[in-house]
Each structure stands twice: as C-alpha cells, then as structure tokens.
Amino acid sequence: MEIHRVRTANGVPVLYCIDVLPKVFAPENPGQLDESIFQYLEREWGQVVIFAQTEIDVSQATRTMAHHLQVAQDTPLLRLRQAHFNQKSLPILWSQDHFVTDRFRFEVMRHRQ
C-alpha cells in the first residue's frame, strides 16, 4: 500500500512523504494515520524499525508535491529513498521523502571504525 503525507514544522510544509508497506501492515484508513509510521508499525504489528539503507539525491516537485509543499512545480527537493528493516533485518517499509531545501537542514556525522 502506498501512503502519501505532508509533514510540517510549525504549520509550514517541509516534507512530502511517500511510504510503501506490505498490504498486511497497511492501516485500514491511511488518511487517518496521524502518528509516525514507525510508531504505528510497532504499536499495531510489533515491527520495530532498527535500521534503514538510504540513498540521497535531488528530485523535482511534481504538480501534486508543489501544491502541498507550497512551492513552484519543478522546485528542486532533497530526496531520501530508504528501505527500512525490522528487528529480523527484513525490509518492512520503503519510503521516498522529499524535503524543501530552504526549510529543512540535515547534519551528517560519519565515523571511521
């Protein structure tokens, strides 16, 4: 099942989320999902997201994204494409998160082992 949501910060849209999960884990009414999808998966299904594999690149706002994010169509967005894995290292959620670049900032810390 595919779920599209807009996330806000202080009432301002900052992120357009596209989450895909197996139908067995899908909420009955995705439009009423008002919590973190991670919290939902843990509470309803006992599925804990332990780690994710992420690819970071740039996308462009589609007409729908632009409308919901209140930006111009084709505005560059920072995109995170992620596969989320449960406590058994099985993939249970795939997501594409499209961030408005002037409303959101990431900091990455990398360690040498």
PDB file of N, CA and C in Angstrom:
ATOM      1  N   MET A   1       0.843  -1.169   0.000  1.00  0.00           N
ATOM      2  CA  MET A   1       0.000   0.000   0.000  1.00  0.00           C
ATOM      3  C   MET A   1       0.889   1.233   0.000  1.00  0.00           C
ATOM      4  N   GLU A   2       0.496   2.225  -0.747  1.00  0.00           N
ATOM      5  CA  GLU A   2       1.248   3.476  -0.831  1.00  0.00           C
ATOM      6  C   GLU A   2       0.492   4.559  -0.063  1.00  0.00           C
ATOM      7  N   ILE A   3       1.204   5.263   0.808  1.00  0.00           N
ATOM      8  CA  ILE A   3       0.608   6.325   1.623  1.00  0.00           C
ATOM      9  C   ILE A   3       1.372   7.616   1.341  1.00  0.00           C
ATOM     10  N   HIS A   4       0.648   8.674   0.987  1.00  0.00           N
ATOM     11  CA  HIS A   4       1.252   9.986   0.746  1.00  0.00           C
ATOM     12  C   HIS A   4       0.859  10.908   1.894  1.00  0.00           C
ATOM     13  N   ARG A   5       1.860  11.579   2.471  1.00  0.00           N
ATOM     14  CA  ARG A   5       1.575  12.515   3.570  1.00  0.00           C
ATOM     15  C   ARG A   5       2.474  13.728   3.460  1.00  0.00           C
ATOM     16  N   VAL A   6       2.021  14.822   4.027  1.00  0.00           N
ATOM     17  CA  VAL A   6       2.816  16.042   4.125  1.00  0.00           C
ATOM     18  C   VAL A   6       3.131  16.253   5.590  1.00  0.00           C
ATOM     19  N   ARG A   7       4.389  16.501   5.885  1.00  0.00           N
ATOM     20  CA  ARG A   7       4.815  16.767   7.258  1.00  0.00           C
ATOM     21  C   ARG A   7       5.127  18.259   7.363  1.00  0.00           C
ATOM     22  N   THR A   8       4.818  18.830   8.514  1.00  0.00           N
ATOM     23  CA  THR A   8       5.007  20.259   8.721  1.00  0.00           C
ATOM     24  C   THR A   8       5.905  20.535   9.923  1.00  0.00           C
ATOM     25  N   ALA A   9       6.438  21.734   9.952  1.00  0.00           N
ATOM     26  CA  ALA A   9       7.174  22.245  11.107  1.00  0.00           C
ATOM     27  C   ALA A   9       6.585  23.612  11.416  1.00  0.00           C
ATOM     28  N   ASN A  10       6.024  23.747  12.600  1.00  0.00           N
ATOM     29  CA  ASN A  10       5.344  24.989  12.988  1.00  0.00           C
ATOM     30  C   ASN A  10       4.291  25.397  11.956  1.00  0.00           C
ATOM     31  N   GLY A  11       3.576  24.406  11.424  1.00  0.00           N
ATOM     32  CA  GLY A  11       2.498  24.669  10.485  1.00  0.00           C
ATOM     33  C   GLY A  11       2.943  24.892   9.043  1.00  0.00           C
ATOM     34  N   VAL A  12       4.240  24.870   8.785  1.00  0.00           N
ATOM     35  CA  VAL A  12       4.772  25.100   7.439  1.00  0.00           C
ATOM     36  C   VAL A  12       5.143  23.749   6.820  1.00  0.00           C
ATOM     37  N   PRO A  13       4.662  23.449   5.605  1.00  0.00           N
ATOM     38  CA  PRO A  13       5.010  22.168   4.991  1.00  0.00           C
ATOM     39  C   PRO A  13       6.496  22.111   4.643  1.00  0.00           C
ATOM     40  N   VAL A  14       7.160  21.043   5.095  1.00  0.00           N
ATOM     41  CA  VAL A  14       8.600  20.896   4.861  1.00  0.00           C
ATOM     42  C   VAL A  14       8.946  19.605   4.123  1.00  0.00           C
ATOM     43  N   LEU A  15       8.005  18.661   4.076  1.00  0.00           N
ATOM     44  CA  LEU A  15       8.340  17.328   3.594  1.00  0.00           C
ATOM     45  C   LEU A  15       7.123  16.649   2.978  1.00  0.00           C
ATOM     46  N   TYR A  16       7.323  16.057   1.813  1.00  0.00           N
ATOM     47  CA  TYR A  16       6.287  15.244   1.178  1.00  0.00           C
ATOM     48  C   TYR A  16       6.764  13.806   1.253  1.00  0.00           C
ATOM     49  N   CYS A  17       6.018  12.952   1.949  1.00  0.00           N
ATOM     50  CA  CYS A  17       6.406  11.553   2.184  1.00  0.00           C
ATOM     51  C   CYS A  17       5.580  10.622   1.306  1.00  0.00           C
ATOM     52  N   ILE A  18       6.273   9.663   0.724  1.00  0.00           N
ATOM     53  CA  ILE A  18       5.604   8.559   0.034  1.00  0.00           C
ATOM     54  C   ILE A  18       6.114   7.289   0.704  1.00  0.00           C
ATOM     55  N   ASP A  19       5.252   6.619   1.444  1.00  0.00           N
ATOM     56  CA  ASP A  19       5.611   5.390   2.150  1.00  0.00           C
ATOM     57  C   ASP A  19       4.910   4.209   1.495  1.00  0.00           C
ATOM     58  N   VAL A  20       5.647   3.128   1.326  1.00  0.00           N
ATOM     59  CA  VAL A  20       5.087   1.908   0.755  1.00  0.00           C
ATOM     60  C   VAL A  20       5.329   0.779   1.741  1.00  0.00           C
ATOM     61  N   LEU A  21       4.250   0.108   2.130  1.00  0.00           N
ATOM     62  CA  LEU A  21       4.389  -1.009   3.048  1.00  0.00           C
ATOM     63  C   LEU A  21       3.539  -2.176   2.576  1.00  0.00           C
ATOM     64  N   PRO A  22       3.910  -3.392   2.996  1.00  0.00           N
ATOM     65  CA  PRO A  22       3.123  -4.560   2.598  1.00  0.00           C
ATOM     66  C   PRO A  22       1.663  -4.400   3.028  1.00  0.00           C
ATOM     67  N   LYS A  23       0.771  -4.863   2.201  1.00  0.00           N
ATOM     68  CA  LYS A  23      -0.665  -4.721   2.473  1.00  0.00           C
ATOM     69  C   LYS A  23      -1.049  -5.274   3.843  1.00  0.00           C
ATOM     70  N   VAL A  24      -0.367  -6.327   4.297  1.00  0.00           N
ATOM     71  CA  VAL A  24      -0.685  -6.915   5.605  1.00  0.00           C
ATOM     72  C   VAL A  24      -0.497  -5.896   6.735  1.00  0.00           C
ATOM     73  N   PHE A  25       0.428  -4.950   6.578  1.00  0.00           N
ATOM     74  CA  PHE A  25       0.686  -3.940   7.609  1.00  0.00           C
ATOM     75  C   PHE A  25      -0.079  -2.634   7.368  1.00  0.00           C
ATOM     76  N   ALA A  26      -0.811  -2.550   6.291  1.00  0.00           N
ATOM     77  CA  ALA A  26      -1.460  -1.294   5.921  1.00  0.00           C
ATOM     78  C   ALA A  26      -2.574  -0.928   6.890  1.00  0.00           C
ATOM     79  N   PRO A  27      -2.655   0.344   7.268  1.00  0.00           N
ATOM     80  CA  PRO A  27      -3.769   0.784   8.122  1.00  0.00           C
ATOM     81  C   PRO A  27      -5.082   0.717   7.349  1.00  0.00           C
ATOM     82  N   GLU A  28      -6.177   0.476   8.073  1.00  0.00           N
ATOM     83  CA  GLU A  28      -7.488   0.398   7.439  1.00  0.00           C
ATOM     84  C   GLU A  28      -7.854   1.701   6.753  1.00  0.00           C
ATOM     85  N   ASN A  29      -7.527   2.822   7.391  1.00  0.00           N
ATOM     86  CA  ASN A  29      -7.818   4.131   6.819  1.00  0.00           C
ATOM     87  C   ASN A  29      -6.535   4.962   6.847  1.00  0.00           C
ATOM     88  N   PRO A  30      -5.700   4.872   5.783  1.00  0.00           N
ATOM     89  CA  PRO A  30      -4.417   5.576   5.787  1.00  0.00           C
ATOM     90  C   PRO A  30      -4.550   7.087   5.969  1.00  0.00           C
ATOM     91  N   GLY A  31      -5.666   7.656   5.549  1.00  0.00           N
ATOM     92  CA  GLY A  31      -5.881   9.095   5.689  1.00  0.00           C
ATOM     93  C   GLY A  31      -5.982   9.546   7.131  1.00  0.00           C
ATOM     94  N   GLN A  32      -6.246   8.625   8.046  1.00  0.00           N
ATOM     95  CA  GLN A  32      -6.368   8.971   9.456  1.00  0.00           C
ATOM     96  C   GLN A  32      -5.102   8.652  10.244  1.00  0.00           C
ATOM     97  N   LEU A  33      -4.037   8.247   9.567  1.00  0.00           N
ATOM     98  CA  LEU A  33      -2.777   7.945  10.236  1.00  0.00           C
ATOM     99  C   LEU A  33      -2.124   9.271  10.629  1.00  0.00           C
ATOM    100  N   ASP A  34      -2.230   9.622  11.911  1.00  0.00           N
ATOM    101  CA  ASP A  34      -1.724  10.912  12.370  1.00  0.00           C
ATOM    102  C   ASP A  34      -0.494  10.778  13.269  1.00  0.00           C
ATOM    103  N   GLU A  35       0.108   9.599  13.275  1.00  0.00           N
ATOM    104  CA  GLU A  35       1.306   9.376  14.074  1.00  0.00           C
ATOM    105  C   GLU A  35       2.439   8.955  13.151  1.00  0.00           C
ATOM    106  N   SER A  36       3.614   8.828  13.711  1.00  0.00           N
ATOM    107  CA  SER A  36       4.753   8.314  12.973  1.00  0.00           C
ATOM    108  C   SER A  36       4.420   6.925  12.450  1.00  0.00           C
ATOM    109  N   ILE A  37       4.796   6.651  11.215  1.00  0.00           N
ATOM    110  CA  ILE A  37       4.549   5.315  10.668  1.00  0.00           C
ATOM    111  C   ILE A  37       5.353   4.275  11.435  1.00  0.00           C
ATOM    112  N   PHE A  38       6.516   4.668  11.979  1.00  0.00           N
ATOM    113  CA  PHE A  38       7.297   3.760  12.821  1.00  0.00           C
ATOM    114  C   PHE A  38       6.514   3.397  14.079  1.00  0.00           C
ATOM    115  N   GLN A  39       5.897   4.393  14.716  1.00  0.00           N
ATOM    116  CA  GLN A  39       5.100   4.139  15.917  1.00  0.00           C
ATOM    117  C   GLN A  39       3.924   3.229  15.588  1.00  0.00           C
ATOM    118  N   TYR A  40       3.279   3.488  14.465  1.00  0.00           N
ATOM    119  CA  TYR A  40       2.147   2.663  14.027  1.00  0.00           C
ATOM    120  C   TYR A  40       2.580   1.216  13.841  1.00  0.00           C
ATOM    121  N   LEU A  41       3.683   0.969  13.115  1.00  0.00           N
ATOM    122  CA  LEU A  41       4.147  -0.390  12.861  1.00  0.00           C
ATOM    123  C   LEU A  41       4.499  -1.121  14.149  1.00  0.00           C
ATOM    124  N   GLU A  42       5.092  -0.395  15.091  1.00  0.00           N
ATOM    125  CA  GLU A  42       5.460  -1.028  16.364  1.00  0.00           C
ATOM    126  C   GLU A  42       4.229  -1.322  17.216  1.00  0.00           C
ATOM    127  N   ARG A  43       3.325  -0.335  17.326  1.00  0.00           N
ATOM    128  CA  ARG A  43       2.140  -0.498  18.168  1.00  0.00           C
ATOM    129  C   ARG A  43       1.184  -1.552  17.626  1.00  0.00           C
ATOM    130  N   GLU A  44       0.910  -1.508  16.324  1.00  0.00           N
ATOM    131  CA  GLU A  44      -0.090  -2.403  15.737  1.00  0.00           C
ATOM    132  C   GLU A  44       0.454  -3.777  15.349  1.00  0.00           C
ATOM    133  N   TRP A  45       1.728  -3.861  14.990  1.00  0.00           N
ATOM    134  CA  TRP A  45       2.244  -5.087  14.402  1.00  0.00           C
ATOM    135  C   TRP A  45       3.493  -5.632  15.088  1.00  0.00           C
ATOM    136  N   GLY A  46       4.016  -4.923  16.093  1.00  0.00           N
ATOM    137  CA  GLY A  46       5.225  -5.387  16.768  1.00  0.00           C
ATOM    138  C   GLY A  46       6.455  -5.338  15.875  1.00  0.00           C
ATOM    139  N   GLN A  47       6.394  -4.535  14.817  1.00  0.00           N
ATOM    140  CA  GLN A  47       7.503  -4.390  13.879  1.00  0.00           C
ATOM    141  C   GLN A  47       8.300  -3.140  14.245  1.00  0.00           C
ATOM    142  N   VAL A  48       9.533  -3.353  14.709  1.00  0.00           N
ATOM    143  CA  VAL A  48      10.380  -2.246  15.119  1.00  0.00           C
ATOM    144  C   VAL A  48      11.389  -1.976  14.014  1.00  0.00           C
ATOM    145  N   VAL A  49      11.404  -0.749  13.511  1.00  0.00           N
ATOM    146  CA  VAL A  49      12.397  -0.382  12.508  1.00  0.00           C
ATOM    147  C   VAL A  49      13.719  -0.174  13.231  1.00  0.00           C
ATOM    148  N   ILE A  50      14.704  -0.998  12.877  1.00  0.00           N
ATOM    149  CA  ILE A  50      16.012  -0.983  13.527  1.00  0.00           C
ATOM    150  C   ILE A  50      17.028  -0.173  12.727  1.00  0.00           C
ATOM    151  N   PHE A  51      16.968  -0.281  11.412  1.00  0.00           N
ATOM    152  CA  PHE A  51      17.911   0.473  10.584  1.00  0.00           C
ATOM    153  C   PHE A  51      17.307   0.698   9.208  1.00  0.00           C
ATOM    154  N   ALA A  52      17.938   1.610   8.475  1.00  0.00           N
ATOM    155  CA  ALA A  52      17.490   1.919   7.115  1.00  0.00           C
ATOM    156  C   ALA A  52      18.707   2.083   6.218  1.00  0.00           C
ATOM    157  N   GLN A  53      18.518   1.720   4.983  1.00  0.00           N
ATOM    158  CA  GLN A  53      19.520   1.978   3.962  1.00  0.00           C
ATOM    159  C   GLN A  53      18.980   3.142   3.146  1.00  0.00           C
ATOM    160  N   THR A  54      19.788   4.199   2.998  1.00  0.00           N
ATOM    161  CA  THR A  54      19.298   5.438   2.410  1.00  0.00           C
ATOM    162  C   THR A  54      20.159   5.889   1.247  1.00  0.00           C
ATOM    163  N   GLU A  55      19.497   6.310   0.193  1.00  0.00           N
ATOM    164  CA  GLU A  55      20.150   6.959  -0.944  1.00  0.00           C
ATOM    165  C   GLU A  55      19.655   8.395  -0.963  1.00  0.00           C
ATOM    166  N   ILE A  56      20.577   9.350  -1.069  1.00  0.00           N
ATOM    167  CA  ILE A  56      20.223  10.767  -1.052  1.00  0.00           C
ATOM    168  C   ILE A  56      20.527  11.355  -2.427  1.00  0.00           C
ATOM    169  N   ASP A  57      19.531  12.021  -2.998  1.00  0.00           N
ATOM    170  CA  ASP A  57      19.733  12.692  -4.270  1.00  0.00           C
ATOM    171  C   ASP A  57      18.760  13.867  -4.369  1.00  0.00           C
ATOM    172  N   VAL A  58      18.614  14.402  -5.564  1.00  0.00           N
ATOM    173  CA  VAL A  58      17.736  15.553  -5.775  1.00  0.00           C
ATOM    174  C   VAL A  58      16.588  15.133  -6.682  1.00  0.00           C
ATOM    175  N   SER A  59      15.393  15.588  -6.346  1.00  0.00           N
ATOM    176  CA  SER A  59      14.218  15.377  -7.190  1.00  0.00           C
ATOM    177  C   SER A  59      13.632  16.744  -7.523  1.00  0.00           C
ATOM    178  N   GLN A  60      12.551  16.733  -8.270  1.00  0.00           N
ATOM    179  CA  GLN A  60      11.841  17.971  -8.571  1.00  0.00           C
ATOM    180  C   GLN A  60      10.397  17.822  -8.131  1.00  0.00           C
ATOM    181  N   ALA A  61       9.846  18.892  -7.629  1.00  0.00           N
ATOM    182  CA  ALA A  61       8.461  18.864  -7.156  1.00  0.00           C
ATOM    183  C   ALA A  61       7.510  18.626  -8.318  1.00  0.00           C
ATOM    184  N   THR A  62       6.713  17.558  -8.185  1.00  0.00           N
ATOM    185  CA  THR A  62       5.638  17.335  -9.147  1.00  0.00           C
ATOM    186  C   THR A  62       4.548  18.366  -8.882  1.00  0.00           C
ATOM    187  N   ARG A  63       3.550  18.408  -9.735  1.00  0.00           N
ATOM    188  CA  ARG A  63       2.444  19.350  -9.524  1.00  0.00           C
ATOM    189  C   ARG A  63       1.784  19.110  -8.165  1.00  0.00           C
ATOM    190  N   THR A  64       1.558  17.830  -7.817  1.00  0.00           N
ATOM    191  CA  THR A  64       0.925  17.495  -6.535  1.00  0.00           C
ATOM    192  C   THR A  64       1.809  17.895  -5.365  1.00  0.00           C
ATOM    193  N   MET A  65       3.087  17.543  -5.430  1.00  0.00           N
ATOM    194  CA  MET A  65       4.013  17.914  -4.351  1.00  0.00           C
ATOM    195  C   MET A  65       4.082  19.425  -4.203  1.00  0.00           C
ATOM    196  N   ALA A  66       4.213  20.131  -5.323  1.00  0.00           N
ATOM    197  CA  ALA A  66       4.317  21.589  -5.296  1.00  0.00           C
ATOM    198  C   ALA A  66       3.102  22.209  -4.607  1.00  0.00           C
ATOM    199  N   HIS A  67       1.926  21.698  -4.943  1.00  0.00           N
ATOM    200  CA  HIS A  67       0.698  22.202  -4.320  1.00  0.00           C
ATOM    201  C   HIS A  67       0.742  22.021  -2.804  1.00  0.00           C
ATOM    202  N   HIS A  68       1.072  20.811  -2.360  1.00  0.00           N
ATOM    203  CA  HIS A  68       1.058  20.518  -0.925  1.00  0.00           C
ATOM    204  C   HIS A  68       2.211  21.183  -0.172  1.00  0.00           C
ATOM    205  N   LEU A  69       3.349  21.360  -0.837  1.00  0.00           N
ATOM    206  CA  LEU A  69       4.506  21.967  -0.172  1.00  0.00           C
ATOM    207  C   LEU A  69       4.540  23.484  -0.329  1.00  0.00           C
ATOM    208  N   GLN A  70       3.611  24.022  -1.117  1.00  0.00           N
ATOM    209  CA  GLN A  70       3.522  25.460  -1.359  1.00  0.00           C
ATOM    210  C   GLN A  70       4.815  26.002  -1.979  1.00  0.00           C
ATOM    211  N   VAL A  71       5.257  25.303  -3.033  1.00  0.00           N
ATOM    212  CA  VAL A  71       6.417  25.727  -3.818  1.00  0.00           C
ATOM    213  C   VAL A  71       6.026  25.649  -5.293  1.00  0.00           C
ATOM    214  N   ALA A  72       6.885  26.148  -6.170  1.00  0.00           N
ATOM    215  CA  ALA A  72       6.638  26.070  -7.606  1.00  0.00           C
ATOM    216  C   ALA A  72       6.902  24.654  -8.105  1.00  0.00           C
ATOM    217  N   GLN A  73       6.141  24.252  -9.121  1.00  0.00           N
ATOM    218  CA  GLN A  73       6.390  22.955  -9.746  1.00  0.00           C
ATOM    219  C   GLN A  73       7.825  22.944 -10.267  1.00  0.00           C
ATOM    220  N   ASP A  74       8.472  21.800 -10.192  1.00  0.00           N
ATOM    221  CA  ASP A  74       9.860  21.582 -10.615  1.00  0.00           C
ATOM    222  C   ASP A  74      10.892  22.182  -9.665  1.00  0.00           C
ATOM    223  N   THR A  75      10.460  22.700  -8.507  1.00  0.00           N
ATOM    224  CA  THR A  75      11.415  23.171  -7.500  1.00  0.00           C
ATOM    225  C   THR A  75      12.296  21.994  -7.083  1.00  0.00           C
ATOM    226  N   PRO A  76      13.622  22.178  -7.017  1.00  0.00           N
ATOM    227  CA  PRO A  76      14.486  21.086  -6.545  1.00  0.00           C
ATOM    228  C   PRO A  76      14.179  20.746  -5.085  1.00  0.00           C
ATOM    229  N   LEU A  77      14.100  19.447  -4.812  1.00  0.00           N
ATOM    230  CA  LEU A  77      13.854  18.944  -3.467  1.00  0.00           C
ATOM    231  C   LEU A  77      14.947  17.934  -3.130  1.00  0.00           C
ATOM    232  N   LEU A  78      15.327  17.876  -1.873  1.00  0.00           N
ATOM    233  CA  LEU A  78      16.262  16.853  -1.422  1.00  0.00           C
ATOM    234  C   LEU A  78      15.460  15.576  -1.190  1.00  0.00           C
ATOM    235  N   ARG A  79      15.867  14.480  -1.843  1.00  0.00           N
ATOM    236  CA  ARG A  79      15.106  13.228  -1.743  1.00  0.00           C
ATOM    237  C   ARG A  79      15.927  12.168  -1.015  1.00  0.00           C
ATOM    238  N   LEU A  80      15.288  11.534  -0.034  1.00  0.00           N
ATOM    239  CA  LEU A  80      15.853  10.368   0.632  1.00  0.00           C
ATOM    240  C   LEU A  80      15.020   9.168   0.220  1.00  0.00           C
ATOM    241  N   ARG A  81      15.645   8.215  -0.463  1.00  0.00           N
ATOM    242  CA  ARG A  81      14.979   6.955  -0.819  1.00  0.00           C
ATOM    243  C   ARG A  81      15.509   5.912   0.149  1.00  0.00           C
ATOM    244  N   GLN A  82      14.579   5.295   0.903  1.00  0.00           N
ATOM    245  CA  GLN A  82      15.001   4.447   2.008  1.00  0.00           C
ATOM    246  C   GLN A  82      14.274   3.107   2.031  1.00  0.00           C
ATOM    247  N   ALA A  83      15.027   2.101   2.407  1.00  0.00           N
ATOM    248  CA  ALA A  83      14.458   0.797   2.743  1.00  0.00           C
ATOM    249  C   ALA A  83      14.660   0.645   4.241  1.00  0.00           C
ATOM    250  N   HIS A  84      13.580   0.396   4.979  1.00  0.00           N
ATOM    251  CA  HIS A  84      13.608   0.285   6.438  1.00  0.00           C
ATOM    252  C   HIS A  84      13.482  -1.187   6.823  1.00  0.00           C
ATOM    253  N   PHE A  85      14.314  -1.616   7.764  1.00  0.00           N
ATOM    254  CA  PHE A  85      14.379  -3.019   8.144  1.00  0.00           C
ATOM    255  C   PHE A  85      13.971  -3.222   9.596  1.00  0.00           C
ATOM    256  N   ASN A  86      13.299  -4.355   9.861  1.00  0.00           N
ATOM    257  CA  ASN A  86      12.835  -4.659  11.217  1.00  0.00           C
ATOM    258  C   ASN A  86      13.909  -5.370  12.035  1.00  0.00           C
ATOM    259  N   GLN A  87      13.506  -5.831  13.212  1.00  0.00           N
ATOM    260  CA  GLN A  87      14.430  -6.467  14.153  1.00  0.00           C
ATOM    261  C   GLN A  87      14.996  -7.788  13.639  1.00  0.00           C
ATOM    262  N   LYS A  88      14.407  -8.334  12.581  1.00  0.00           N
ATOM    263  CA  LYS A  88      14.930  -9.563  11.962  1.00  0.00           C
ATOM    264  C   LYS A  88      15.680  -9.253  10.667  1.00  0.00           C
ATOM    265  N   SER A  89      15.985  -7.979  10.468  1.00  0.00           N
ATOM    266  CA  SER A  89      16.685  -7.488   9.260  1.00  0.00           C
ATOM    267  C   SER A  89      15.894  -7.728   7.975  1.00  0.00           C
ATOM    268  N   LEU A  90      14.558  -7.753   8.097  1.00  0.00           N
ATOM    269  CA  LEU A  90      13.685  -7.899   6.936  1.00  0.00           C
ATOM    270  C   LEU A  90      13.140  -6.530   6.542  1.00  0.00           C
ATOM    271  N   PRO A  91      13.089  -6.218   5.257  1.00  0.00           N
ATOM    272  CA  PRO A  91      12.536  -4.920   4.841  1.00  0.00           C
ATOM    273  C   PRO A  91      11.023  -4.892   5.069  1.00  0.00           C
ATOM    274  N   ILE A  92      10.555  -3.841   5.739  1.00  0.00           N
ATOM    275  CA  ILE A  92       9.112  -3.744   6.020  1.00  0.00           C
ATOM    276  C   ILE A  92       8.504  -2.428   5.545  1.00  0.00           C
ATOM    277  N   LEU A  93       9.346  -1.495   5.119  1.00  0.00           N
ATOM    278  CA  LEU A  93       8.849  -0.192   4.698  1.00  0.00           C
ATOM    279  C   LEU A  93       9.823   0.399   3.698  1.00  0.00           C
ATOM    280  N   TRP A  94       9.283   0.973   2.635  1.00  0.00           N
ATOM    281  CA  TRP A  94      10.091   1.691   1.650  1.00  0.00           C
ATOM    282  C   TRP A  94       9.532   3.097   1.607  1.00  0.00           C
ATOM    283  N   SER A  95      10.415   4.072   1.538  1.00  0.00           N
ATOM    284  CA  SER A  95       9.928   5.448   1.554  1.00  0.00           C
ATOM    285  C   SER A  95      10.745   6.340   0.634  1.00  0.00           C
ATOM    286  N   GLN A  96      10.069   7.371   0.170  1.00  0.00           N
ATOM    287  CA  GLN A  96      10.714   8.479  -0.517  1.00  0.00           C
ATOM    288  C   GLN A  96      10.268   9.728   0.220  1.00  0.00           C
ATOM    289  N   ASP A  97      11.218  10.431   0.768  1.00  0.00           N
ATOM    290  CA  ASP A  97      10.945  11.669   1.486  1.00  0.00           C
ATOM    291  C   ASP A  97      11.528  12.818   0.687  1.00  0.00           C
ATOM    292  N   HIS A  98      10.689  13.783   0.332  1.00  0.00           N
ATOM    293  CA  HIS A  98      11.090  14.922  -0.489  1.00  0.00           C
ATOM    294  C   HIS A  98      11.053  16.173   0.392  1.00  0.00           C
ATOM    295  N   PHE A  99      12.230  16.744   0.674  1.00  0.00           N
ATOM    296  CA  PHE A  99      12.374  17.862   1.593  1.00  0.00           C
ATOM    297  C   PHE A  99      12.539  19.176   0.842  1.00  0.00           C
ATOM    298  N   VAL A 100      11.837  20.216   1.308  1.00  0.00           N
ATOM    299  CA  VAL A 100      12.031  21.564   0.771  1.00  0.00           C
ATOM    300  C   VAL A 100      13.370  22.056   1.321  1.00  0.00           C
ATOM    301  N   THR A 101      14.295  22.347   0.426  1.00  0.00           N
ATOM    302  CA  THR A 101      15.687  22.576   0.835  1.00  0.00           C
ATOM    303  C   THR A 101      15.899  23.819   1.692  1.00  0.00           C
ATOM    304  N   ASP A 102      15.088  24.845   1.528  1.00  0.00           N
ATOM    305  CA  ASP A 102      15.308  26.047   2.342  1.00  0.00           C
ATOM    306  C   ASP A 102      14.501  26.020   3.646  1.00  0.00           C
ATOM    307  N   ARG A 103      13.839  24.889   3.922  1.00  0.00           N
ATOM    308  CA  ARG A 103      13.052  24.764   5.151  1.00  0.00           C
ATOM    309  C   ARG A 103      13.541  23.628   6.041  1.00  0.00           C
ATOM    310  N   PHE A 104      14.546  22.916   5.593  1.00  0.00           N
ATOM    311  CA  PHE A 104      14.992  21.739   6.336  1.00  0.00           C
ATOM    312  C   PHE A 104      16.495  21.599   6.161  1.00  0.00           C
ATOM    313  N   ARG A 105      17.175  21.195   7.203  1.00  0.00           N
ATOM    314  CA  ARG A 105      18.625  21.032   7.142  1.00  0.00           C
ATOM    315  C   ARG A 105      19.015  19.700   7.758  1.00  0.00           C
ATOM    316  N   PHE A 106      19.924  19.002   7.110  1.00  0.00           N
ATOM    317  CA  PHE A 106      20.470  17.756   7.633  1.00  0.00           C
ATOM    318  C   PHE A 106      21.907  17.977   8.060  1.00  0.00           C
ATOM    319  N   GLU A 107      22.294  17.293   9.117  1.00  0.00           N
ATOM    320  CA  GLU A 107      23.692  17.231   9.500  1.00  0.00           C
ATOM    321  C   GLU A 107      24.058  15.756   9.544  1.00  0.00           C
ATOM    322  N   VAL A 108      25.181  15.399   8.941  1.00  0.00           N
ATOM    323  CA  VAL A 108      25.626  14.020   8.879  1.00  0.00           C
ATOM    324  C   VAL A 108      26.961  13.912   9.593  1.00  0.00           C
ATOM    325  N   MET A 109      27.063  12.940  10.487  1.00  0.00           N
ATOM    326  CA  MET A 109      28.325  12.660  11.162  1.00  0.00           C
ATOM    327  C   MET A 109      28.763  11.270  10.742  1.00  0.00           C
ATOM    328  N   ARG A 110      29.967  11.176  10.257  1.00  0.00           N
ATOM    329  CA  ARG A 110      30.499   9.886   9.830  1.00  0.00           C
ATOM    330  C   ARG A 110      31.684   9.542  10.710  1.00  0.00           C
ATOM    331  N   HIS A 111      31.773   8.264  11.111  1.00  0.00           N
ATOM    332  CA  HIS A 111      32.861   7.792  11.972  1.00  0.00           C
ATOM    333  C   HIS A 111      33.682   6.754  11.249  1.00  0.00           C
ATOM    334  N   ARG A 112      34.935   6.795  11.465  1.00  0.00           N
ATOM    335  CA  ARG A 112      35.826   5.752  10.956  1.00  0.00           C
ATOM    336  C   ARG A 112      35.937   4.670  12.010  1.00  0.00           C
ATOM    337  N   GLN A 113      35.798   3.435  11.604  1.00  0.00           N
ATOM    338  CA  GLN A 113      35.897   2.331  12.578  1.00  0.00           C
ATOM    339  C   GLN A 113      37.170   1.556  12.375  1.00  0.00           C
TER     340      GLN A 113
END
